[in-house]
Protein backbone atom coordinates (compact mmCIF):
# COMPACT_ATOMS: atom_id res chain seq x y z
CA MET A 1 21.90 3.24 -1.00
CA GLU A 2 23.49 2.98 -4.45
CA ARG A 3 22.61 6.63 -5.14
CA ALA A 4 24.31 7.63 -1.88
CA PHE A 5 27.57 6.06 -3.05
CA VAL A 6 27.33 8.03 -6.31
CA MET A 7 26.90 11.19 -4.23
CA LEU A 8 29.94 10.26 -2.14
CA ALA A 9 32.01 9.78 -5.29
CA GLU A 10 30.90 13.20 -6.56
CA LEU A 11 31.97 14.88 -3.32
CA LEU A 12 35.36 13.21 -3.30
CA GLN A 13 35.90 14.09 -6.96
CA GLN A 14 35.21 17.73 -6.06
CA GLU A 15 37.64 17.33 -3.12
CA GLN A 16 34.89 18.11 -0.64
CA PHE A 17 35.03 16.24 2.67
CA GLU A 18 33.52 17.95 5.72
CA LEU A 19 32.63 15.62 8.59
CA LEU A 20 30.40 16.57 11.50
CA LEU A 21 32.18 15.24 14.57
CA PRO A 22 32.03 16.10 18.27
CA GLU A 23 33.99 19.17 19.37
CA ASP A 24 37.14 17.25 20.25
CA ASP A 25 40.54 16.72 18.64
CA GLY A 26 39.06 15.38 15.40
CA THR A 27 39.17 11.69 16.36
CA GLU A 28 36.10 9.51 16.74
CA SER A 29 35.38 7.41 19.83
CA SER A 30 35.85 3.66 19.65
CA GLU A 31 32.11 3.05 20.00
CA ASP A 32 30.11 2.45 16.84
CA GLY A 33 27.75 5.23 15.78
CA ASP A 34 26.63 7.32 12.82
CA ILE A 35 29.05 9.77 11.20
CA ARG A 36 27.69 12.52 8.96
CA LEU A 37 29.40 14.00 5.93
CA VAL A 38 28.12 17.35 4.67
CA TYR A 39 26.58 17.00 1.20
CA LEU A 40 24.65 20.18 0.31
CA MET A 41 24.08 23.09 2.69
CA ASN A 42 22.20 26.25 1.81
CA ASP A 43 19.09 28.15 2.89
CA ALA A 44 16.88 25.62 1.10
CA VAL A 45 18.37 22.37 2.38
CA GLU A 46 20.77 20.86 4.88
CA SER A 47 21.80 17.41 3.67
CA PHE A 48 24.33 14.79 4.68
CA LEU A 49 25.66 11.41 3.73
CA VAL A 50 25.42 9.27 6.86
CA PHE A 51 27.88 6.46 7.49
CA LYS A 52 25.74 4.02 9.51
CA GLU A 53 27.15 2.05 12.44
CA ALA A 54 30.50 3.63 11.71
CA LYS A 55 33.86 3.74 13.41
CA MET A 56 36.73 6.05 12.50
CA THR A 57 40.45 5.63 12.99
CA GLY A 58 43.13 8.21 12.33
CA LYS A 59 42.78 11.97 12.64
CA TYR A 60 40.45 14.28 10.75
CA LEU A 61 41.88 17.70 9.84
CA ARG A 62 38.86 19.99 10.21
CA ASP A 63 40.28 23.03 8.44
CA TYR A 64 42.12 21.20 5.66
CA GLU A 65 41.57 22.74 2.20
CA GLY A 66 44.11 20.92 0.03
CA MET A 67 43.89 17.99 -2.34
CA LEU A 68 42.23 14.73 -1.29
CA ASP A 69 42.84 11.13 -2.20
CA ALA A 70 40.43 8.35 -1.27
CA THR A 71 39.78 4.64 -1.68
CA LEU A 72 36.64 2.63 -0.97
CA SER A 73 36.57 -1.12 -0.49
CA LYS A 74 34.36 -3.75 1.12
CA GLU A 75 35.21 -6.73 3.31
CA GLU A 76 32.25 -9.01 3.94
CA GLU A 77 29.52 -6.68 5.31
CA ILE A 78 31.79 -3.74 6.13
CA TYR A 79 32.67 -0.85 3.83
CA ILE A 80 36.06 0.78 4.31
CA LEU A 81 36.65 4.37 3.22
CA THR A 82 40.17 5.76 3.56
CA VAL A 83 40.77 9.45 2.92
CA TRP A 84 44.15 11.18 2.78
CA GLN A 85 44.37 14.85 3.70
CA ASP A 86 47.91 15.59 2.57
CA ASP A 87 49.95 12.94 4.44
CA GLN A 88 47.29 12.43 7.14
CA ALA A 89 45.02 9.40 6.67
CA LEU A 90 41.69 8.61 8.28
CA THR A 91 39.61 5.49 7.78
CA ILE A 92 35.87 5.05 8.28
CA PHE A 93 34.42 1.56 8.69
CA PHE A 94 30.66 1.48 8.13
CA LYS A 95 27.78 -0.86 7.27
CA GLN A 96 25.54 1.39 5.15
CA LEU A 97 25.54 4.81 3.53
CA GLU A 98 22.33 6.85 3.55
CA LEU A 99 21.24 10.31 2.46
CA GLU A 100 19.71 12.56 5.13
CA ALA A 101 18.03 15.72 3.84
CA HIS A 102 16.18 18.48 5.69
CA LEU A 103 14.24 20.87 3.45
CA TYR A 104 13.42 24.39 4.63
CA GLU A 105 11.24 27.32 3.62
CA TYR A 106 13.42 29.94 1.93
CA GLY A 107 10.90 32.22 0.25
CA THR A 108 11.27 34.77 3.06
CA VAL A 109 15.00 34.25 3.65
CA ALA A 110 17.35 36.87 2.21
CA HIS A 111 20.93 38.14 2.18
CA PHE A 112 21.63 41.70 1.14
CA TRP A 113 25.31 41.55 0.24
CA VAL A 114 25.22 43.69 -2.91
CA PRO A 115 23.44 47.08 -3.05
CA GLY A 116 21.12 48.09 -5.86
CA TYR A 117 17.99 46.38 -7.16
CA GLU A 118 17.99 44.11 -4.13
CA TYR A 119 14.61 42.59 -5.03
CA LEU A 120 16.12 41.17 -8.25
CA ARG A 121 19.33 40.00 -6.56
CA LEU A 122 17.15 38.24 -3.99
CA LEU A 123 15.35 36.33 -6.74
CA GLU A 124 18.69 35.44 -8.35
CA TYR A 125 19.90 34.02 -5.04
CA GLN A 126 16.72 32.06 -4.31
CA ILE A 127 16.67 30.54 -7.80
CA ALA A 128 20.38 29.69 -7.56
CA ILE A 129 19.98 27.72 -4.32
CA LEU A 130 16.89 26.05 -5.77
CA ARG A 131 18.98 25.00 -8.78
CA ASP A 132 21.60 23.49 -6.46
CA LYS A 133 18.92 21.55 -4.61
CA TYR A 134 17.45 20.32 -7.89
CA ASP A 135 20.84 19.32 -9.34
CA TYR A 136 22.23 17.65 -6.22
CA LEU A 137 19.12 16.00 -4.77
CA GLY A 138 16.77 15.67 -7.74
CA GLU A 139 13.26 16.75 -8.63
CA ASN A 140 11.69 14.54 -5.96
CA TYR A 141 12.91 17.10 -3.42
CA CYS A 142 11.13 19.97 -5.21
CA THR A 143 7.53 21.15 -5.42
CA ASP A 144 5.80 21.61 -8.77
CA ILE A 145 6.31 25.38 -8.56
CA GLU A 146 10.01 24.90 -7.84
CA LYS A 147 10.29 22.62 -10.87
CA GLN A 148 8.97 25.49 -12.97
CA LEU A 149 11.12 28.23 -11.43
CA VAL A 150 14.37 26.24 -11.47
CA HIS A 151 14.66 26.90 -15.21
CA LEU A 152 15.15 30.60 -14.49
CA ALA A 153 18.71 29.85 -13.35
CA ASP A 154 19.38 29.67 -17.10
CA PHE A 155 17.74 33.04 -17.81
CA PRO A 156 20.65 35.52 -18.02
CA PRO A 157 18.60 38.74 -17.52
CA LEU A 158 17.82 37.47 -14.02
CA ASN A 159 20.80 35.28 -13.13
CA TYR A 160 24.26 36.16 -11.77
CA THR A 161 25.42 37.71 -15.05
CA CYS A 162 23.12 40.72 -14.58
CA TYR A 163 22.01 40.69 -10.93
CA PRO A 164 24.60 38.80 -8.85
CA ALA A 165 23.58 38.35 -5.22
CA VAL A 166 27.19 38.09 -4.02
CA PRO A 167 30.28 40.22 -4.72
CA GLU A 168 32.22 39.27 -7.84
CA LYS A 169 35.10 37.62 -5.95
CA TYR A 170 32.66 35.06 -4.51
CA LEU A 171 30.89 34.22 -7.77
CA VAL A 172 31.10 30.63 -8.99
CA PRO A 173 30.11 30.70 -12.69
CA ARG A 174 27.98 27.84 -13.97
CA GLY A 175 28.95 27.13 -17.59
CA ASP A 176 28.07 29.97 -19.99
CA GLY A 177 25.84 32.12 -17.80
CA TRP A 178 25.07 34.43 -20.73
CA ARG A 179 23.44 31.72 -22.81
CA PRO A 180 19.72 31.18 -22.10
CA THR A 181 17.92 27.89 -22.53
CA LYS A 182 14.68 27.54 -24.44
CA ALA A 183 12.98 26.24 -21.29
CA ALA A 184 14.04 29.35 -19.34
CA ILE A 185 12.65 31.75 -21.94
CA ASP A 186 9.45 29.71 -22.26
CA VAL A 187 8.89 29.92 -18.50
CA MET A 188 9.41 33.69 -18.53
CA ILE A 189 7.00 34.11 -21.45
CA GLU A 190 4.41 32.05 -19.58
CA LEU A 191 4.84 34.22 -16.47
CA ALA A 192 4.72 37.46 -18.47
CA LYS A 193 1.49 36.31 -20.13
CA GLU A 194 0.03 35.56 -16.70
CA VAL A 195 0.37 39.23 -15.73
CA LYS A 196 -0.54 40.42 -19.26
CA ASP A 197 2.82 42.17 -19.80
CA LYS A 198 2.62 42.37 -23.60
CA SER A 199 5.77 44.43 -24.17
CA LEU A 200 7.88 41.99 -22.19
CA VAL A 201 6.33 39.02 -23.97
CA GLY A 202 7.38 40.63 -27.26
CA ALA A 203 10.92 41.22 -26.02
CA LEU A 204 11.17 37.62 -24.80
CA ARG A 205 10.00 36.24 -28.14
CA PHE A 206 12.73 38.29 -29.83
CA TYR A 207 15.21 36.98 -27.22
CA ARG A 208 14.20 33.43 -28.11
CA LEU A 209 15.59 34.07 -31.61
CA PHE A 210 18.55 36.33 -30.79
CA HIS A 211 20.67 35.72 -27.67
CA HIS A 212 22.97 38.72 -28.09
CA ARG A 213 24.22 40.28 -24.88
CA TRP A 214 22.64 43.62 -25.73
CA VAL A 215 19.26 41.86 -25.80
CA THR A 216 20.03 40.24 -22.43
CA LYS A 217 20.92 43.63 -20.93
CA ARG A 218 17.85 45.25 -22.42
CA ILE A 219 15.53 42.70 -20.81
CA ALA A 220 17.47 42.92 -17.54
CA LYS A 221 16.85 46.67 -17.60
CA MET A 222 13.14 46.09 -18.21
CA LEU A 223 12.95 43.95 -15.06
CA HIS A 224 13.72 46.89 -12.80
CA GLN A 225 11.33 49.27 -14.52
CA ALA A 226 8.18 50.10 -12.59
CA LYS A 227 5.83 49.02 -15.37
CA HIS A 228 7.12 45.45 -15.25
CA GLN A 229 6.97 44.95 -11.48
CA GLN A 230 3.85 42.79 -11.67
CA LEU A 231 6.03 40.09 -13.24
CA VAL A 232 8.74 40.48 -10.60
CA ALA A 233 6.08 40.28 -7.86
CA LEU A 234 4.60 37.17 -9.47
CA ILE A 235 7.97 35.36 -9.43
CA SER A 236 8.58 36.41 -5.82
CA ASN A 237 5.12 35.22 -4.76
CA LYS A 238 5.66 31.92 -6.56
CA VAL A 239 8.90 31.36 -4.65
CA ILE A 240 7.03 31.97 -1.40
CA LYS A 241 4.07 29.77 -2.41
CA GLY A 242 6.30 27.00 -3.74
CA THR A 243 8.29 26.77 -0.50
CA CYS A 244 5.68 27.58 2.16
CA GLY A 245 5.03 23.88 2.77
CA TYR A 246 8.55 23.37 4.08
CA PRO A 247 9.22 23.97 7.77
CA ARG A 248 11.26 26.86 9.11
CA ARG A 249 14.44 26.22 11.06
CA HIS A 250 14.13 25.85 14.82
CA PHE A 251 16.87 26.49 17.32
CA ASP A 252 17.23 26.47 21.10
CA ASN A 253 14.58 28.37 23.03
CA PRO A 254 16.58 31.56 23.77
CA THR A 255 17.49 31.92 20.08
CA ASP A 256 13.98 31.15 18.88
CA ASN A 257 12.57 33.67 21.35
CA GLU A 258 15.03 36.33 20.20
CA LEU A 259 14.05 35.77 16.58
CA LYS A 260 10.36 35.87 17.52
CA ASP A 261 10.88 39.22 19.25
CA GLN A 262 12.64 40.63 16.20
CA MET A 263 9.91 39.39 13.88
CA THR A 264 7.21 40.91 16.11
CA LYS A 265 9.00 44.26 16.04
CA ALA A 266 9.39 44.01 12.25
CA GLU A 267 5.65 43.31 11.83
CA LYS A 268 4.78 46.39 13.87
CA LEU A 269 7.10 48.55 11.78
CA GLN A 270 5.70 47.02 8.60
CA LYS A 271 2.13 47.84 9.66
CA LYS A 272 3.13 51.44 10.40
CA LEU A 273 4.89 51.86 7.05
CA ARG A 274 1.98 50.35 5.13
CA LEU A 275 -0.40 52.79 6.81
CA ASN A 276 1.81 55.50 5.32
CA GLY A 277 1.36 53.95 1.89
CA LEU A 278 4.75 52.22 1.63
CA LYS A 279 5.00 48.68 0.29
CA THR A 280 7.10 46.65 2.73
CA GLU A 281 8.22 43.03 2.98
CA ILE A 282 9.94 41.22 5.88
CA TYR A 283 12.93 38.93 5.34
CA ARG A 284 15.19 37.08 7.72
CA GLU A 285 18.76 35.81 7.62
CA GLU A 286 19.60 32.76 9.71
CA PRO A 287 22.41 30.25 10.34
CA PHE A 288 22.30 26.51 9.72
CA THR A 289 20.90 24.24 12.41
CA THR A 290 23.29 21.30 12.05
CA ALA A 291 26.65 22.76 11.04
CA LYS A 292 28.61 25.85 11.92
CA ASP A 293 28.58 28.86 9.62
CA SER A 294 29.38 32.53 10.00
CA LEU A 295 25.82 33.83 9.76
CA GLU A 296 23.76 35.18 12.61
CA PHE A 297 20.10 36.08 12.92
CA HIS A 298 19.06 39.26 11.18
CA VAL A 299 15.61 40.57 10.31
CA TYR A 300 15.20 43.09 7.50
CA LEU A 301 12.50 45.26 6.01
CA MET A 302 12.55 45.77 2.25
CA ILE A 303 10.80 49.10 1.74
CA ASP A 304 9.75 50.42 -1.66
CA GLU A 305 10.85 53.96 -2.35
CA LYS A 306 8.54 56.34 -4.15
CA CYS A 307 10.00 56.50 -7.64
CA GLY A 308 9.19 57.10 -11.26
CA LYS A 309 10.39 54.98 -14.17
CA ASN A 310 12.48 52.52 -12.14
CA ARG A 311 11.74 50.66 -8.92
CA TYR A 312 14.06 51.24 -5.99
CA VAL A 313 13.98 49.81 -2.48
CA ARG A 314 15.84 50.46 0.72
CA ILE A 315 16.83 47.79 3.23
CA GLU A 316 16.49 48.44 6.97
CA GLU A 317 17.66 45.99 9.60
CA VAL A 318 15.43 45.51 12.62
CA LYS A 319 17.63 45.68 15.69
């Protein structure tokens, strides 16, 4: 429980306070119950801080985005959290604070928001959400493969500096994104050795000594060249293998059935394309199960184009 209070303090310091309440006027009923506060939400995890046996007074402003002020105190066995949203105060009385975390498979989940080298932007996105899970929840919520791959968030030739998965206006830089860590380069060298990519191993050893941006861009360019795609495929397969033990999201029956129909259609199209000699992978985009977001179900095919020096793909949505 002590760790949960540290997490609560971190959220409040970041001025993040999103409660999951019934669809009413923002007030809680007088009966005691659990109240959930969103902690970390992405394709890899949906997590909450749960105020146990809680009661809320005051009014919660759902769409408030301004500054927050908060105090936490304890009277006998009851904790009292008061949060001010501008001049509006709400108070939560609760007996315990617990972390609730639901981990999901994300190796076959994708968003194609930025065109060009989508297979690298996909890896950047998957590693970024893994890094958030690792940082916010800890290594106990990660598989051994994830603990290896998480270091690649600090590998500039593959992170948001070279292959951002979202448009620039939505980027949230993490420190100096152009500066690699030794652990990140060591992991890439280990992976390159696994596929016997000697030229990339040599470039990475040079990168270990010289972190100039031109070296970063050179290695980033190598990652989309056809002759280095065994390494890219290895990382992608490791993401899938490292997350396959997590469950997929489930929704109400009509939605699940709709997704199943789309996936079945995608598999038929994939089989047809592969018979024609085209490498094809299926990815899906899906909303959260426990909180509202703007995403809907989409199923995509990532289809390799026939190319020469560089690898190109096209993305087709399955309607």
